[in-house]
Amino acid sequence: MRVKRGVAAHAKHKKMLNKTNGMQHYRRRSYRLGKQGVIKALSYSYRDRRNRKRDLRSLWITRINNASRELGVSYSQLIAGMKAKNINLDRKVLADLAVNNPEAFKKIVNTIKEK
């Protein structure tokens, strides 16, 4: 007996086209172009989940550098001083302190300035 694939193919196409939600023009309507768009979008999202970490670390470093320079210490001097004094705070926490709690950040910088 011959097997007709109409129902299975339609379901497969519908499942793929549901993933093209938010795309425009033929990527939304055409199975072939929609499939290409979904594959490209998934590869971008995979790549950018990693790039987001890079971007945030860069933002934290910029914030720490600006806040520490106002207090007379460069970013590299601050990080080296923290390692020498065994102050174990990561850049995310330091940046948060610099923005939201400048007094605590100033105490850390003053600790590092002491000889």
N, C-alpha and C. Protein backbone atom coordinates (compact mmCIF):
# COMPACT_ATOMS: atom_id res chain seq x y z
N MET A 1 0.84 -1.19 0.00
CA MET A 1 0.00 0.00 0.00
C MET A 1 0.88 1.25 0.00
N ARG A 2 0.49 2.20 -0.79
CA ARG A 2 1.23 3.45 -0.92
C ARG A 2 0.99 4.35 0.29
N VAL A 3 2.07 5.00 0.78
CA VAL A 3 1.94 5.91 1.93
C VAL A 3 2.01 7.34 1.41
N LYS A 4 0.98 8.11 1.70
CA LYS A 4 0.97 9.51 1.31
C LYS A 4 1.42 10.34 2.51
N ARG A 5 2.32 11.29 2.28
CA ARG A 5 2.96 12.02 3.37
C ARG A 5 2.36 13.41 3.60
N GLY A 6 1.20 13.69 3.05
CA GLY A 6 0.65 15.04 3.12
C GLY A 6 0.48 15.56 4.53
N VAL A 7 -0.09 14.74 5.42
CA VAL A 7 -0.36 15.18 6.79
C VAL A 7 0.94 15.41 7.55
N ALA A 8 1.88 14.48 7.42
CA ALA A 8 3.15 14.59 8.14
C ALA A 8 3.95 15.79 7.62
N ALA A 9 3.97 15.97 6.29
CA ALA A 9 4.73 17.09 5.72
C ALA A 9 4.11 18.42 6.14
N HIS A 10 2.78 18.48 6.13
CA HIS A 10 2.11 19.71 6.53
C HIS A 10 2.42 20.04 7.99
N ALA A 11 2.41 19.02 8.84
CA ALA A 11 2.70 19.24 10.26
C ALA A 11 4.14 19.71 10.45
N LYS A 12 5.05 19.12 9.69
CA LYS A 12 6.47 19.50 9.79
C LYS A 12 6.67 20.95 9.35
N HIS A 13 6.02 21.33 8.25
CA HIS A 13 6.14 22.70 7.76
C HIS A 13 5.51 23.68 8.74
N LYS A 14 4.37 23.31 9.28
CA LYS A 14 3.68 24.20 10.21
C LYS A 14 4.53 24.41 11.47
N LYS A 15 5.17 23.36 11.95
CA LYS A 15 6.02 23.46 13.14
C LYS A 15 7.19 24.41 12.88
N MET A 16 7.78 24.33 11.69
CA MET A 16 8.90 25.21 11.36
C MET A 16 8.42 26.65 11.19
N LEU A 17 7.29 26.85 10.51
CA LEU A 17 6.80 28.20 10.27
C LEU A 17 6.32 28.87 11.56
N ASN A 18 5.94 28.10 12.55
CA ASN A 18 5.58 28.69 13.85
C ASN A 18 6.81 29.30 14.52
N LYS A 19 7.99 28.77 14.20
CA LYS A 19 9.23 29.31 14.78
C LYS A 19 9.66 30.60 14.10
N THR A 20 9.05 30.94 12.96
CA THR A 20 9.42 32.17 12.25
C THR A 20 8.62 33.36 12.75
N ASN A 21 7.98 33.23 13.88
CA ASN A 21 7.20 34.32 14.45
C ASN A 21 8.08 35.54 14.66
N GLY A 22 7.67 36.67 14.12
CA GLY A 22 8.45 37.90 14.24
C GLY A 22 9.28 38.20 13.02
N MET A 23 9.43 37.25 12.11
CA MET A 23 10.18 37.50 10.89
C MET A 23 9.25 38.16 9.87
N GLN A 24 9.83 38.71 8.80
CA GLN A 24 9.04 39.46 7.84
C GLN A 24 9.05 38.81 6.46
N HIS A 25 8.07 39.18 5.68
CA HIS A 25 7.97 38.86 4.26
C HIS A 25 8.01 37.35 4.01
N TYR A 26 8.84 36.89 3.08
CA TYR A 26 8.81 35.49 2.69
C TYR A 26 9.41 34.57 3.75
N ARG A 27 10.20 35.11 4.66
CA ARG A 27 10.70 34.26 5.74
C ARG A 27 9.55 33.78 6.61
N ARG A 28 8.48 34.54 6.65
CA ARG A 28 7.32 34.18 7.47
C ARG A 28 6.40 33.21 6.73
N ARG A 29 6.35 33.34 5.39
CA ARG A 29 5.36 32.59 4.61
C ARG A 29 5.93 31.34 3.95
N SER A 30 7.18 31.40 3.53
CA SER A 30 7.77 30.31 2.76
C SER A 30 8.50 29.34 3.70
N TYR A 31 8.24 28.06 3.53
CA TYR A 31 8.89 27.05 4.38
C TYR A 31 10.40 27.08 4.18
N ARG A 32 10.83 27.15 2.92
CA ARG A 32 12.25 27.06 2.61
C ARG A 32 13.01 28.26 3.20
N LEU A 33 12.52 29.47 2.96
CA LEU A 33 13.19 30.66 3.48
C LEU A 33 13.02 30.77 4.99
N GLY A 34 11.89 30.31 5.48
CA GLY A 34 11.67 30.33 6.92
C GLY A 34 12.62 29.41 7.65
N LYS A 35 12.88 28.24 7.08
CA LYS A 35 13.81 27.30 7.69
C LYS A 35 15.21 27.90 7.74
N GLN A 36 15.63 28.55 6.65
CA GLN A 36 16.93 29.22 6.64
C GLN A 36 17.01 30.29 7.72
N GLY A 37 15.93 31.06 7.85
CA GLY A 37 15.89 32.13 8.85
C GLY A 37 15.97 31.60 10.26
N VAL A 38 15.29 30.50 10.53
CA VAL A 38 15.30 29.91 11.87
C VAL A 38 16.70 29.38 12.21
N ILE A 39 17.34 28.72 11.25
CA ILE A 39 18.68 28.20 11.48
C ILE A 39 19.65 29.35 11.76
N LYS A 40 19.54 30.43 10.99
CA LYS A 40 20.42 31.59 11.18
C LYS A 40 20.14 32.24 12.54
N ALA A 41 18.87 32.36 12.90
CA ALA A 41 18.52 32.99 14.18
C ALA A 41 19.04 32.18 15.35
N LEU A 42 18.95 30.86 15.25
CA LEU A 42 19.45 30.02 16.34
C LEU A 42 20.96 30.11 16.47
N SER A 43 21.66 30.22 15.34
CA SER A 43 23.12 30.34 15.42
C SER A 43 23.52 31.69 16.00
N TYR A 44 22.78 32.75 15.65
CA TYR A 44 23.05 34.06 16.24
C TYR A 44 22.79 34.04 17.74
N SER A 45 21.72 33.41 18.17
CA SER A 45 21.40 33.42 19.60
C SER A 45 22.44 32.63 20.39
N TYR A 46 22.95 31.54 19.83
CA TYR A 46 24.00 30.77 20.49
C TYR A 46 25.26 31.62 20.62
N ARG A 47 25.66 32.26 19.53
CA ARG A 47 26.86 33.11 19.54
C ARG A 47 26.71 34.26 20.51
N ASP A 48 25.55 34.91 20.50
CA ASP A 48 25.39 36.13 21.29
C ASP A 48 25.18 35.85 22.77
N ARG A 49 24.79 34.64 23.13
CA ARG A 49 24.76 34.32 24.57
C ARG A 49 26.18 34.35 25.13
N ARG A 50 27.15 34.01 24.32
CA ARG A 50 28.55 34.08 24.76
C ARG A 50 29.08 35.51 24.68
N ASN A 51 28.70 36.23 23.64
CA ASN A 51 29.17 37.61 23.49
C ASN A 51 28.62 38.52 24.58
N ARG A 52 27.43 38.21 25.09
CA ARG A 52 26.84 39.03 26.15
C ARG A 52 27.75 39.05 27.38
N LYS A 53 28.35 37.91 27.69
CA LYS A 53 29.26 37.83 28.83
C LYS A 53 30.47 38.74 28.60
N ARG A 54 30.98 38.74 27.39
CA ARG A 54 32.12 39.59 27.03
C ARG A 54 31.75 41.07 27.16
N ASP A 55 30.57 41.43 26.65
CA ASP A 55 30.13 42.82 26.68
C ASP A 55 29.92 43.30 28.11
N LEU A 56 29.32 42.46 28.95
CA LEU A 56 29.07 42.87 30.33
C LEU A 56 30.37 43.04 31.10
N ARG A 57 31.33 42.15 30.89
CA ARG A 57 32.61 42.29 31.57
C ARG A 57 33.28 43.61 31.16
N SER A 58 33.21 43.96 29.90
CA SER A 58 33.77 45.22 29.42
C SER A 58 33.08 46.41 30.07
N LEU A 59 31.76 46.33 30.22
CA LEU A 59 31.00 47.40 30.88
C LEU A 59 31.42 47.54 32.34
N TRP A 60 31.57 46.41 33.03
CA TRP A 60 31.98 46.45 34.44
C TRP A 60 33.35 47.10 34.59
N ILE A 61 34.28 46.73 33.71
CA ILE A 61 35.64 47.28 33.78
C ILE A 61 35.61 48.79 33.55
N THR A 62 34.79 49.24 32.59
CA THR A 62 34.68 50.67 32.33
C THR A 62 34.14 51.42 33.54
N ARG A 63 33.13 50.87 34.18
CA ARG A 63 32.55 51.51 35.36
C ARG A 63 33.53 51.57 36.52
N ILE A 64 34.24 50.47 36.73
CA ILE A 64 35.24 50.43 37.82
C ILE A 64 36.34 51.43 37.55
N ASN A 65 36.82 51.48 36.31
CA ASN A 65 37.90 52.39 35.94
C ASN A 65 37.48 53.84 36.16
N ASN A 66 36.29 54.22 35.73
CA ASN A 66 35.83 55.60 35.90
C ASN A 66 35.70 55.96 37.37
N ALA A 67 35.12 55.06 38.16
CA ALA A 67 34.93 55.35 39.58
C ALA A 67 36.27 55.41 40.31
N SER A 68 37.20 54.55 39.97
CA SER A 68 38.48 54.53 40.69
C SER A 68 39.35 55.72 40.29
N ARG A 69 39.28 56.15 39.04
CA ARG A 69 40.07 57.31 38.60
C ARG A 69 39.60 58.58 39.31
N GLU A 70 38.31 58.68 39.62
CA GLU A 70 37.82 59.83 40.39
C GLU A 70 38.45 59.87 41.78
N LEU A 71 38.85 58.70 42.28
CA LEU A 71 39.47 58.61 43.60
C LEU A 71 41.00 58.56 43.51
N GLY A 72 41.56 58.72 42.32
CA GLY A 72 43.00 58.83 42.16
C GLY A 72 43.75 57.53 41.96
N VAL A 73 43.06 56.48 41.56
CA VAL A 73 43.71 55.19 41.32
C VAL A 73 43.23 54.68 39.97
N SER A 74 44.14 54.15 39.17
CA SER A 74 43.72 53.59 37.90
C SER A 74 43.15 52.18 38.12
N TYR A 75 42.50 51.67 37.09
CA TYR A 75 41.89 50.35 37.17
C TYR A 75 42.93 49.27 37.46
N SER A 76 44.05 49.34 36.74
CA SER A 76 45.08 48.29 36.90
C SER A 76 45.70 48.35 38.29
N GLN A 77 45.89 49.56 38.82
CA GLN A 77 46.42 49.70 40.18
C GLN A 77 45.43 49.15 41.21
N LEU A 78 44.15 49.40 40.97
CA LEU A 78 43.11 48.91 41.88
C LEU A 78 43.10 47.38 41.92
N ILE A 79 43.09 46.75 40.76
CA ILE A 79 43.03 45.28 40.69
C ILE A 79 44.30 44.66 41.29
N ALA A 80 45.47 45.25 40.97
CA ALA A 80 46.73 44.74 41.53
C ALA A 80 46.75 44.91 43.04
N GLY A 81 46.28 46.05 43.54
CA GLY A 81 46.23 46.28 44.98
C GLY A 81 45.29 45.34 45.68
N MET A 82 44.15 45.05 45.05
CA MET A 82 43.19 44.11 45.65
C MET A 82 43.80 42.72 45.75
N LYS A 83 44.53 42.31 44.73
CA LYS A 83 45.17 40.99 44.79
C LYS A 83 46.23 40.95 45.87
N ALA A 84 46.98 42.05 46.02
CA ALA A 84 48.03 42.10 47.05
C ALA A 84 47.44 42.08 48.45
N LYS A 85 46.29 42.72 48.64
CA LYS A 85 45.64 42.78 49.96
C LYS A 85 44.67 41.63 50.20
N ASN A 86 44.57 40.71 49.25
CA ASN A 86 43.66 39.56 49.35
C ASN A 86 42.19 39.98 49.50
N ILE A 87 41.78 40.97 48.73
CA ILE A 87 40.37 41.36 48.67
C ILE A 87 39.78 40.64 47.47
N ASN A 88 38.93 39.67 47.73
CA ASN A 88 38.40 38.83 46.66
C ASN A 88 36.99 39.26 46.28
N LEU A 89 36.91 40.30 45.46
CA LEU A 89 35.64 40.74 44.89
C LEU A 89 35.76 40.67 43.38
N ASP A 90 34.74 40.13 42.74
CA ASP A 90 34.81 40.08 41.29
C ASP A 90 34.38 41.42 40.69
N ARG A 91 34.55 41.54 39.38
CA ARG A 91 34.31 42.81 38.72
C ARG A 91 32.84 43.19 38.72
N LYS A 92 31.97 42.20 38.69
CA LYS A 92 30.54 42.48 38.71
C LYS A 92 30.15 43.17 40.02
N VAL A 93 30.64 42.65 41.13
CA VAL A 93 30.33 43.22 42.44
C VAL A 93 30.98 44.59 42.58
N LEU A 94 32.23 44.73 42.13
CA LEU A 94 32.92 46.02 42.21
C LEU A 94 32.18 47.09 41.42
N ALA A 95 31.74 46.75 40.22
CA ALA A 95 31.01 47.71 39.40
C ALA A 95 29.70 48.10 40.06
N ASP A 96 29.03 47.15 40.68
CA ASP A 96 27.78 47.44 41.38
C ASP A 96 28.04 48.36 42.57
N LEU A 97 29.12 48.12 43.30
CA LEU A 97 29.48 49.00 44.41
C LEU A 97 29.80 50.41 43.90
N ALA A 98 30.53 50.50 42.82
CA ALA A 98 30.93 51.80 42.28
C ALA A 98 29.72 52.63 41.88
N VAL A 99 28.67 51.97 41.37
CA VAL A 99 27.49 52.70 40.91
C VAL A 99 26.50 52.94 42.04
N ASN A 100 26.21 51.90 42.83
CA ASN A 100 25.12 51.99 43.80
C ASN A 100 25.55 52.29 45.23
N ASN A 101 26.82 52.06 45.54
CA ASN A 101 27.29 52.27 46.91
C ASN A 101 28.70 52.87 46.89
N PRO A 102 28.81 54.16 46.51
CA PRO A 102 30.13 54.76 46.34
C PRO A 102 30.95 54.82 47.63
N GLU A 103 30.29 54.87 48.78
CA GLU A 103 31.03 54.92 50.05
C GLU A 103 31.82 53.64 50.27
N ALA A 104 31.19 52.51 50.03
CA ALA A 104 31.87 51.22 50.19
C ALA A 104 33.01 51.09 49.18
N PHE A 105 32.78 51.55 47.96
CA PHE A 105 33.82 51.50 46.95
C PHE A 105 35.00 52.38 47.36
N LYS A 106 34.68 53.54 47.93
CA LYS A 106 35.74 54.46 48.38
C LYS A 106 36.57 53.82 49.49
N LYS A 107 35.93 53.07 50.38
CA LYS A 107 36.65 52.38 51.46
C LYS A 107 37.63 51.35 50.88
N ILE A 108 37.20 50.62 49.86
CA ILE A 108 38.07 49.64 49.22
C ILE A 108 39.28 50.33 48.60
N VAL A 109 39.03 51.45 47.90
CA VAL A 109 40.12 52.18 47.25
C VAL A 109 41.08 52.73 48.31
N ASN A 110 40.53 53.24 49.42
CA ASN A 110 41.39 53.78 50.48
C ASN A 110 42.23 52.68 51.14
N THR A 111 41.66 51.48 51.27
CA THR A 111 42.41 50.35 51.79
C THR A 111 43.61 50.03 50.90
N ILE A 112 43.41 50.15 49.62
CA ILE A 112 44.47 49.85 48.67
C ILE A 112 45.53 50.94 48.66
N LYS A 113 45.10 52.19 48.85
CA LYS A 113 46.05 53.31 48.87
C LYS A 113 47.00 53.25 50.06
N GLU A 114 46.55 52.63 51.17
CA GLU A 114 47.39 52.56 52.37
C GLU A 114 48.63 51.72 52.10
N LYS A 115 49.72 52.12 52.66
CA LYS A 115 50.98 51.37 52.49
C LYS A 115 51.17 50.41 53.63
